[in-house]
Amino acid sequence: MTTDDTLLRVNEGVQLHHQQGRRVAARDLFAQIWADIGGERGDPLHVCVLAHAMADVQDDVHQELLWDERALAAAHALTDTRVVEAGIALPVAALYPSLHLNLAECHRQLGDLDSAREHLRQARSGIGALSDDPYGQLIRNGLDEVTRRLAGR
């Protein structure tokens, strides 16, 4: 369980969005947190988690893609040590399947099917880092769904 104040605030926004259906309120909170952490110059963990969540509350797929790309770029600067310090029980490698899954779906929506397939391939190549728990199943199910969409089914 994390005790990191920034991640707790991000979680508040996630709850606003997913549990309360308050997408605009979540986006506003995320924008405030983004300003507070200094944007892309902030702690890579904060940037990654916040950008990943911010992507989910965008109304435009181009903006969603931009936020997902920010999350992926920040993930490249993360270390397992930093993630553990924040109280997160996942290795950095476990973040990549979800990040690539979201990028695959954005590219699919934009009609860039080659990029969508490449991100889907990268997501699948990292799936072994996930446990067989609800989070791992969520990502696996998402990969199956995007695969079906790419196949036109």
N, C-alpha and C. Protein backbone atom coordinates (compact mmCIF):
# COMPACT_ATOMS: atom_id res chain seq x y z
N MET A 1 0.85 -1.18 0.00
CA MET A 1 0.00 0.00 0.00
C MET A 1 0.89 1.24 0.00
N THR A 2 0.60 2.13 -0.92
CA THR A 2 1.42 3.33 -1.03
C THR A 2 1.05 4.36 0.03
N THR A 3 2.07 5.06 0.46
CA THR A 3 1.87 6.20 1.36
C THR A 3 2.33 7.48 0.67
N ASP A 4 2.68 7.37 -0.60
CA ASP A 4 3.14 8.51 -1.39
C ASP A 4 1.96 9.46 -1.62
N ASP A 5 2.08 10.70 -1.13
CA ASP A 5 0.98 11.65 -1.19
C ASP A 5 0.51 11.92 -2.63
N THR A 6 1.44 12.04 -3.55
CA THR A 6 1.06 12.32 -4.94
C THR A 6 0.29 11.15 -5.52
N LEU A 7 0.76 9.94 -5.28
CA LEU A 7 0.05 8.78 -5.80
C LEU A 7 -1.31 8.62 -5.16
N LEU A 8 -1.43 8.99 -3.90
CA LEU A 8 -2.74 8.95 -3.23
C LEU A 8 -3.69 9.96 -3.88
N ARG A 9 -3.19 11.13 -4.24
CA ARG A 9 -4.02 12.13 -4.93
C ARG A 9 -4.43 11.62 -6.31
N VAL A 10 -3.50 11.00 -7.01
CA VAL A 10 -3.85 10.43 -8.32
C VAL A 10 -4.94 9.38 -8.14
N ASN A 11 -4.81 8.56 -7.11
CA ASN A 11 -5.83 7.55 -6.84
C ASN A 11 -7.20 8.19 -6.58
N GLU A 12 -7.21 9.34 -5.91
CA GLU A 12 -8.48 10.05 -5.71
C GLU A 12 -9.13 10.38 -7.06
N GLY A 13 -8.31 10.83 -8.00
CA GLY A 13 -8.82 11.14 -9.33
C GLY A 13 -9.32 9.91 -10.05
N VAL A 14 -8.60 8.81 -9.90
CA VAL A 14 -9.02 7.55 -10.52
C VAL A 14 -10.37 7.13 -9.95
N GLN A 15 -10.54 7.30 -8.64
CA GLN A 15 -11.82 6.95 -8.01
C GLN A 15 -12.94 7.88 -8.51
N LEU A 16 -12.64 9.16 -8.65
CA LEU A 16 -13.63 10.09 -9.20
C LEU A 16 -14.11 9.61 -10.56
N HIS A 17 -13.17 9.18 -11.39
CA HIS A 17 -13.50 8.75 -12.74
C HIS A 17 -14.21 7.40 -12.76
N HIS A 18 -13.58 6.39 -12.20
CA HIS A 18 -14.08 5.03 -12.34
C HIS A 18 -15.25 4.69 -11.43
N GLN A 19 -15.24 5.18 -10.21
CA GLN A 19 -16.30 4.80 -9.29
C GLN A 19 -17.44 5.81 -9.24
N GLN A 20 -17.13 7.08 -9.50
CA GLN A 20 -18.17 8.09 -9.40
C GLN A 20 -18.60 8.64 -10.77
N GLY A 21 -17.89 8.25 -11.83
CA GLY A 21 -18.26 8.72 -13.16
C GLY A 21 -18.03 10.21 -13.38
N ARG A 22 -17.15 10.79 -12.59
CA ARG A 22 -16.90 12.23 -12.65
C ARG A 22 -15.61 12.50 -13.43
N ARG A 23 -15.70 12.26 -14.73
CA ARG A 23 -14.55 12.35 -15.63
C ARG A 23 -13.92 13.75 -15.64
N VAL A 24 -14.74 14.78 -15.74
CA VAL A 24 -14.21 16.15 -15.81
C VAL A 24 -13.56 16.53 -14.48
N ALA A 25 -14.17 16.15 -13.37
CA ALA A 25 -13.58 16.44 -12.06
C ALA A 25 -12.24 15.72 -11.92
N ALA A 26 -12.17 14.49 -12.41
CA ALA A 26 -10.91 13.75 -12.36
C ALA A 26 -9.86 14.45 -13.21
N ARG A 27 -10.24 14.86 -14.41
CA ARG A 27 -9.29 15.54 -15.30
C ARG A 27 -8.79 16.83 -14.66
N ASP A 28 -9.68 17.57 -14.02
CA ASP A 28 -9.28 18.82 -13.35
C ASP A 28 -8.30 18.53 -12.21
N LEU A 29 -8.58 17.50 -11.42
CA LEU A 29 -7.66 17.12 -10.34
C LEU A 29 -6.31 16.71 -10.91
N PHE A 30 -6.33 15.89 -11.97
CA PHE A 30 -5.07 15.46 -12.58
C PHE A 30 -4.28 16.66 -13.11
N ALA A 31 -4.97 17.63 -13.69
CA ALA A 31 -4.28 18.82 -14.20
C ALA A 31 -3.61 19.59 -13.06
N GLN A 32 -4.28 19.67 -11.92
CA GLN A 32 -3.68 20.35 -10.76
C GLN A 32 -2.46 19.59 -10.25
N ILE A 33 -2.57 18.27 -10.18
CA ILE A 33 -1.43 17.46 -9.73
C ILE A 33 -0.28 17.60 -10.71
N TRP A 34 -0.59 17.61 -12.02
CA TRP A 34 0.43 17.77 -13.05
C TRP A 34 1.20 19.07 -12.83
N ALA A 35 0.49 20.14 -12.54
CA ALA A 35 1.15 21.42 -12.26
C ALA A 35 1.98 21.32 -10.98
N ASP A 36 1.45 20.68 -9.97
CA ASP A 36 2.15 20.55 -8.69
C ASP A 36 3.45 19.77 -8.80
N ILE A 37 3.49 18.76 -9.66
CA ILE A 37 4.71 17.94 -9.76
C ILE A 37 5.71 18.51 -10.75
N GLY A 38 5.34 19.57 -11.45
CA GLY A 38 6.26 20.18 -12.41
C GLY A 38 6.19 19.55 -13.79
N GLY A 39 5.06 18.93 -14.09
CA GLY A 39 4.88 18.33 -15.41
C GLY A 39 5.89 17.23 -15.67
N GLU A 40 6.35 17.16 -16.88
CA GLU A 40 7.26 16.08 -17.30
C GLU A 40 8.61 16.13 -16.58
N ARG A 41 8.91 17.23 -15.90
CA ARG A 41 10.17 17.34 -15.16
C ARG A 41 10.08 16.70 -13.77
N GLY A 42 8.88 16.24 -13.42
CA GLY A 42 8.67 15.66 -12.09
C GLY A 42 9.26 14.28 -11.94
N ASP A 43 9.07 13.72 -10.78
CA ASP A 43 9.49 12.36 -10.45
C ASP A 43 8.91 11.42 -11.52
N PRO A 44 9.74 10.61 -12.17
CA PRO A 44 9.24 9.73 -13.23
C PRO A 44 8.08 8.82 -12.79
N LEU A 45 8.08 8.40 -11.53
CA LEU A 45 6.96 7.57 -11.07
C LEU A 45 5.67 8.37 -11.07
N HIS A 46 5.74 9.58 -10.56
CA HIS A 46 4.55 10.43 -10.54
C HIS A 46 4.09 10.76 -11.96
N VAL A 47 5.05 11.08 -12.82
CA VAL A 47 4.72 11.41 -14.21
C VAL A 47 4.07 10.22 -14.89
N CYS A 48 4.64 9.04 -14.72
CA CYS A 48 4.13 7.83 -15.36
C CYS A 48 2.70 7.53 -14.91
N VAL A 49 2.50 7.45 -13.61
CA VAL A 49 1.18 7.08 -13.08
C VAL A 49 0.15 8.14 -13.41
N LEU A 50 0.51 9.40 -13.25
CA LEU A 50 -0.43 10.48 -13.52
C LEU A 50 -0.77 10.56 -15.00
N ALA A 51 0.22 10.48 -15.87
CA ALA A 51 -0.05 10.56 -17.31
C ALA A 51 -0.90 9.37 -17.76
N HIS A 52 -0.64 8.20 -17.21
CA HIS A 52 -1.42 7.00 -17.53
C HIS A 52 -2.89 7.22 -17.14
N ALA A 53 -3.12 7.80 -15.98
CA ALA A 53 -4.49 8.07 -15.53
C ALA A 53 -5.11 9.21 -16.33
N MET A 54 -4.34 10.25 -16.62
CA MET A 54 -4.84 11.40 -17.36
C MET A 54 -5.30 10.98 -18.76
N ALA A 55 -4.59 10.03 -19.36
CA ALA A 55 -4.97 9.56 -20.70
C ALA A 55 -6.40 9.03 -20.69
N ASP A 56 -6.78 8.37 -19.62
CA ASP A 56 -8.10 7.74 -19.54
C ASP A 56 -9.25 8.73 -19.47
N VAL A 57 -8.98 9.99 -19.16
CA VAL A 57 -10.07 10.96 -19.02
C VAL A 57 -10.09 11.98 -20.15
N GLN A 58 -9.38 11.69 -21.22
CA GLN A 58 -9.37 12.60 -22.38
C GLN A 58 -10.58 12.34 -23.27
N ASP A 59 -11.07 13.39 -23.89
CA ASP A 59 -12.20 13.28 -24.81
C ASP A 59 -11.72 13.08 -26.25
N ASP A 60 -10.47 13.39 -26.51
CA ASP A 60 -9.92 13.31 -27.85
C ASP A 60 -8.81 12.26 -27.87
N VAL A 61 -8.87 11.34 -28.82
CA VAL A 61 -7.89 10.26 -28.87
C VAL A 61 -6.48 10.77 -29.11
N HIS A 62 -6.32 11.90 -29.80
CA HIS A 62 -4.99 12.47 -30.00
C HIS A 62 -4.38 12.90 -28.66
N GLN A 63 -5.21 13.50 -27.81
CA GLN A 63 -4.74 13.89 -26.48
C GLN A 63 -4.47 12.66 -25.61
N GLU A 64 -5.33 11.67 -25.74
CA GLU A 64 -5.10 10.42 -25.01
C GLU A 64 -3.76 9.81 -25.40
N LEU A 65 -3.47 9.80 -26.69
CA LEU A 65 -2.20 9.26 -27.17
C LEU A 65 -1.03 10.05 -26.60
N LEU A 66 -1.13 11.37 -26.60
CA LEU A 66 -0.07 12.21 -26.04
C LEU A 66 0.21 11.85 -24.59
N TRP A 67 -0.83 11.70 -23.78
CA TRP A 67 -0.65 11.34 -22.36
C TRP A 67 -0.08 9.94 -22.21
N ASP A 68 -0.56 9.01 -23.04
CA ASP A 68 -0.01 7.65 -22.96
C ASP A 68 1.46 7.62 -23.35
N GLU A 69 1.85 8.43 -24.32
CA GLU A 69 3.27 8.51 -24.71
C GLU A 69 4.11 9.10 -23.58
N ARG A 70 3.56 10.09 -22.88
CA ARG A 70 4.27 10.65 -21.72
C ARG A 70 4.46 9.58 -20.65
N ALA A 71 3.43 8.80 -20.40
CA ALA A 71 3.52 7.74 -19.38
C ALA A 71 4.61 6.74 -19.75
N LEU A 72 4.64 6.33 -21.01
CA LEU A 72 5.65 5.35 -21.44
C LEU A 72 7.05 5.94 -21.33
N ALA A 73 7.24 7.18 -21.74
CA ALA A 73 8.56 7.81 -21.64
C ALA A 73 9.02 7.87 -20.19
N ALA A 74 8.12 8.20 -19.28
CA ALA A 74 8.48 8.26 -17.86
C ALA A 74 8.80 6.88 -17.32
N ALA A 75 8.10 5.85 -17.79
CA ALA A 75 8.37 4.49 -17.32
C ALA A 75 9.80 4.08 -17.63
N HIS A 76 10.33 4.56 -18.74
CA HIS A 76 11.71 4.21 -19.11
C HIS A 76 12.73 4.75 -18.10
N ALA A 77 12.34 5.77 -17.34
CA ALA A 77 13.25 6.36 -16.35
C ALA A 77 13.03 5.78 -14.95
N LEU A 78 12.09 4.86 -14.80
CA LEU A 78 11.79 4.29 -13.49
C LEU A 78 12.73 3.15 -13.12
N THR A 79 12.87 2.97 -11.83
CA THR A 79 13.62 1.82 -11.31
C THR A 79 12.71 1.05 -10.36
N ASP A 80 13.00 -0.23 -10.20
CA ASP A 80 12.24 -1.03 -9.25
C ASP A 80 12.40 -0.48 -7.83
N THR A 81 13.57 0.04 -7.53
CA THR A 81 13.80 0.61 -6.20
C THR A 81 12.84 1.76 -5.93
N ARG A 82 12.66 2.63 -6.90
CA ARG A 82 11.76 3.78 -6.72
C ARG A 82 10.31 3.30 -6.53
N VAL A 83 9.92 2.30 -7.30
CA VAL A 83 8.55 1.78 -7.21
C VAL A 83 8.32 1.17 -5.82
N VAL A 84 9.29 0.41 -5.33
CA VAL A 84 9.17 -0.20 -4.00
C VAL A 84 9.11 0.89 -2.93
N GLU A 85 9.94 1.92 -3.07
CA GLU A 85 9.93 3.04 -2.10
C GLU A 85 8.55 3.66 -1.98
N ALA A 86 7.81 3.67 -3.08
CA ALA A 86 6.48 4.26 -3.09
C ALA A 86 5.41 3.31 -2.57
N GLY A 87 5.82 2.08 -2.25
CA GLY A 87 4.88 1.11 -1.70
C GLY A 87 4.07 0.37 -2.75
N ILE A 88 4.56 0.34 -3.97
CA ILE A 88 3.87 -0.37 -5.05
C ILE A 88 4.47 -1.76 -5.16
N ALA A 89 3.60 -2.75 -5.19
CA ALA A 89 4.06 -4.14 -5.15
C ALA A 89 4.23 -4.74 -6.54
N LEU A 90 4.57 -3.93 -7.52
CA LEU A 90 4.81 -4.41 -8.89
C LEU A 90 6.20 -3.99 -9.33
N PRO A 91 6.88 -4.81 -10.10
CA PRO A 91 8.13 -4.35 -10.70
C PRO A 91 7.81 -3.41 -11.87
N VAL A 92 8.75 -2.60 -12.25
CA VAL A 92 8.56 -1.69 -13.37
C VAL A 92 8.11 -2.45 -14.62
N ALA A 93 8.67 -3.62 -14.84
CA ALA A 93 8.32 -4.41 -16.03
C ALA A 93 6.82 -4.69 -16.10
N ALA A 94 6.14 -4.74 -14.97
CA ALA A 94 4.70 -5.02 -14.96
C ALA A 94 3.87 -3.83 -15.43
N LEU A 95 4.48 -2.67 -15.54
CA LEU A 95 3.76 -1.49 -16.02
C LEU A 95 3.66 -1.48 -17.55
N TYR A 96 4.64 -2.06 -18.20
CA TYR A 96 4.72 -1.95 -19.67
C TYR A 96 3.56 -2.59 -20.43
N PRO A 97 3.05 -3.75 -20.04
CA PRO A 97 1.93 -4.29 -20.81
C PRO A 97 0.72 -3.35 -20.86
N SER A 98 0.39 -2.73 -19.75
CA SER A 98 -0.74 -1.80 -19.72
C SER A 98 -0.46 -0.55 -20.55
N LEU A 99 0.76 -0.03 -20.43
CA LEU A 99 1.12 1.16 -21.19
C LEU A 99 1.04 0.88 -22.69
N HIS A 100 1.60 -0.24 -23.12
CA HIS A 100 1.58 -0.59 -24.54
C HIS A 100 0.16 -0.95 -25.01
N LEU A 101 -0.63 -1.54 -24.15
CA LEU A 101 -2.02 -1.84 -24.49
C LEU A 101 -2.77 -0.55 -24.80
N ASN A 102 -2.62 0.45 -23.95
CA ASN A 102 -3.31 1.72 -24.18
C ASN A 102 -2.83 2.39 -25.46
N LEU A 103 -1.53 2.33 -25.70
CA LEU A 103 -1.00 2.91 -26.94
C LEU A 103 -1.52 2.16 -28.16
N ALA A 104 -1.61 0.84 -28.07
CA ALA A 104 -2.15 0.05 -29.18
C ALA A 104 -3.57 0.48 -29.49
N GLU A 105 -4.38 0.65 -28.48
CA GLU A 105 -5.78 1.04 -28.71
C GLU A 105 -5.88 2.45 -29.29
N CYS A 106 -5.06 3.37 -28.84
CA CYS A 106 -5.06 4.72 -29.42
C CYS A 106 -4.71 4.66 -30.90
N HIS A 107 -3.64 3.98 -31.21
CA HIS A 107 -3.21 3.88 -32.60
C HIS A 107 -4.27 3.19 -33.46
N ARG A 108 -4.93 2.18 -32.90
CA ARG A 108 -6.01 1.50 -33.62
C ARG A 108 -7.14 2.49 -33.94
N GLN A 109 -7.52 3.27 -32.94
CA GLN A 109 -8.60 4.24 -33.14
C GLN A 109 -8.22 5.29 -34.19
N LEU A 110 -6.94 5.61 -34.25
CA LEU A 110 -6.47 6.62 -35.21
C LEU A 110 -6.20 6.02 -36.60
N GLY A 111 -6.35 4.72 -36.73
CA GLY A 111 -6.15 4.07 -38.02
C GLY A 111 -4.71 3.72 -38.33
N ASP A 112 -3.81 3.90 -37.37
CA ASP A 112 -2.41 3.54 -37.55
C ASP A 112 -2.24 2.10 -37.09
N LEU A 113 -2.66 1.17 -37.93
CA LEU A 113 -2.73 -0.23 -37.53
C LEU A 113 -1.37 -0.87 -37.34
N ASP A 114 -0.36 -0.42 -38.11
CA ASP A 114 0.99 -0.97 -37.91
C ASP A 114 1.52 -0.62 -36.52
N SER A 115 1.34 0.64 -36.10
CA SER A 115 1.78 1.03 -34.75
C SER A 115 0.96 0.30 -33.69
N ALA A 116 -0.33 0.14 -33.95
CA ALA A 116 -1.18 -0.57 -33.00
C ALA A 116 -0.68 -2.00 -32.82
N ARG A 117 -0.38 -2.67 -33.91
CA ARG A 117 0.11 -4.05 -33.82
C ARG A 117 1.46 -4.13 -33.12
N GLU A 118 2.32 -3.15 -33.36
CA GLU A 118 3.64 -3.14 -32.71
C GLU A 118 3.49 -2.97 -31.20
N HIS A 119 2.64 -2.06 -30.77
CA HIS A 119 2.44 -1.88 -29.33
C HIS A 119 1.77 -3.10 -28.71
N LEU A 120 0.87 -3.71 -29.45
CA LEU A 120 0.25 -4.94 -28.97
C LEU A 120 1.30 -6.03 -28.82
N ARG A 121 2.22 -6.13 -29.78
CA ARG A 121 3.31 -7.11 -29.70
C ARG A 121 4.17 -6.84 -28.46
N GLN A 122 4.48 -5.57 -28.22
CA GLN A 122 5.30 -5.22 -27.05
C GLN A 122 4.56 -5.52 -25.75
N ALA A 123 3.27 -5.25 -25.74
CA ALA A 123 2.47 -5.56 -24.54
C ALA A 123 2.50 -7.06 -24.27
N ARG A 124 2.32 -7.85 -25.31
CA ARG A 124 2.32 -9.31 -25.14
C ARG A 124 3.69 -9.83 -24.73
N SER A 125 4.74 -9.20 -25.23
CA SER A 125 6.08 -9.67 -24.89
C SER A 125 6.40 -9.45 -23.42
N GLY A 126 5.74 -8.50 -22.77
CA GLY A 126 5.99 -8.23 -21.36
C GLY A 126 4.97 -8.83 -20.42
N ILE A 127 4.02 -9.58 -20.96
CA ILE A 127 2.91 -10.08 -20.14
C ILE A 127 3.38 -11.02 -19.03
N GLY A 128 4.52 -11.65 -19.21
CA GLY A 128 5.05 -12.55 -18.18
C GLY A 128 5.39 -11.85 -16.87
N ALA A 129 5.51 -10.53 -16.90
CA ALA A 129 5.81 -9.77 -15.68
C ALA A 129 4.58 -9.61 -14.79
N LEU A 130 3.40 -9.96 -15.34
CA LEU A 130 2.16 -9.81 -14.58
C LEU A 130 1.81 -11.11 -13.86
N SER A 131 1.24 -10.96 -12.70
CA SER A 131 0.74 -12.11 -11.95
C SER A 131 -0.61 -12.54 -12.52
N ASP A 132 -1.07 -13.69 -12.08
CA ASP A 132 -2.40 -14.16 -12.47
C ASP A 132 -3.38 -13.70 -11.39
N ASP A 133 -3.50 -12.38 -11.29
CA ASP A 133 -4.38 -11.77 -10.31
C ASP A 133 -5.38 -10.89 -11.08
N PRO A 134 -6.28 -10.19 -10.40
CA PRO A 134 -7.26 -9.38 -11.13
C PRO A 134 -6.63 -8.34 -12.07
N TYR A 135 -5.53 -7.71 -11.64
CA TYR A 135 -4.87 -6.74 -12.51
C TYR A 135 -4.31 -7.43 -13.75
N GLY A 136 -3.62 -8.55 -13.56
CA GLY A 136 -3.07 -9.28 -14.69
C GLY A 136 -4.15 -9.75 -15.64
N GLN A 137 -5.27 -10.20 -15.09
CA GLN A 137 -6.39 -10.64 -15.93
C GLN A 137 -7.01 -9.47 -16.68
N LEU A 138 -7.09 -8.32 -16.04
CA LEU A 138 -7.62 -7.13 -16.70
C LEU A 138 -6.78 -6.78 -17.94
N ILE A 139 -5.48 -6.82 -17.79
CA ILE A 139 -4.59 -6.50 -18.90
C ILE A 139 -4.68 -7.58 -19.98
N ARG A 140 -4.67 -8.82 -19.58
CA ARG A 140 -4.79 -9.91 -20.56
C ARG A 140 -6.10 -9.82 -21.35
N ASN A 141 -7.19 -9.54 -20.64
CA ASN A 141 -8.48 -9.39 -21.32
C ASN A 141 -8.46 -8.20 -22.27
N GLY A 142 -7.81 -7.13 -21.85
CA GLY A 142 -7.68 -5.96 -22.72
C GLY A 142 -6.89 -6.27 -23.97
N LEU A 143 -5.82 -7.03 -23.82
CA LEU A 143 -5.03 -7.45 -24.99
C LEU A 143 -5.87 -8.28 -25.95
N ASP A 144 -6.65 -9.19 -25.40
CA ASP A 144 -7.52 -10.01 -26.26
C ASP A 144 -8.54 -9.14 -26.99
N GLU A 145 -9.09 -8.16 -26.29
CA GLU A 145 -10.09 -7.28 -26.91
C GLU A 145 -9.48 -6.44 -28.03
N VAL A 146 -8.33 -5.85 -27.80
CA VAL A 146 -7.69 -5.03 -28.85
C VAL A 146 -7.28 -5.93 -30.02
N THR A 147 -6.84 -7.13 -29.73
CA THR A 147 -6.51 -8.08 -30.81
C THR A 147 -7.75 -8.34 -31.67
N ARG A 148 -8.90 -8.56 -31.04
CA ARG A 148 -10.15 -8.78 -31.79
C ARG A 148 -10.51 -7.54 -32.61
N ARG A 149 -10.36 -6.38 -32.02
CA ARG A 149 -10.68 -5.15 -32.75
C ARG A 149 -9.79 -4.97 -33.96
N LEU A 150 -8.51 -5.27 -33.79
CA LEU A 150 -7.57 -5.16 -34.91
C LEU A 150 -7.89 -6.16 -36.01
N ALA A 151 -8.44 -7.30 -35.62
CA ALA A 151 -8.80 -8.32 -36.60
C ALA A 151 -10.17 -8.03 -37.22
N GLY A 152 -10.83 -6.97 -36.74
CA GLY A 152 -12.12 -6.60 -37.28
C GLY A 152 -13.27 -7.45 -36.79
N ARG A 153 -13.11 -8.08 -35.64
CA ARG A 153 -14.17 -8.93 -35.09
C ARG A 153 -14.85 -8.26 -33.94
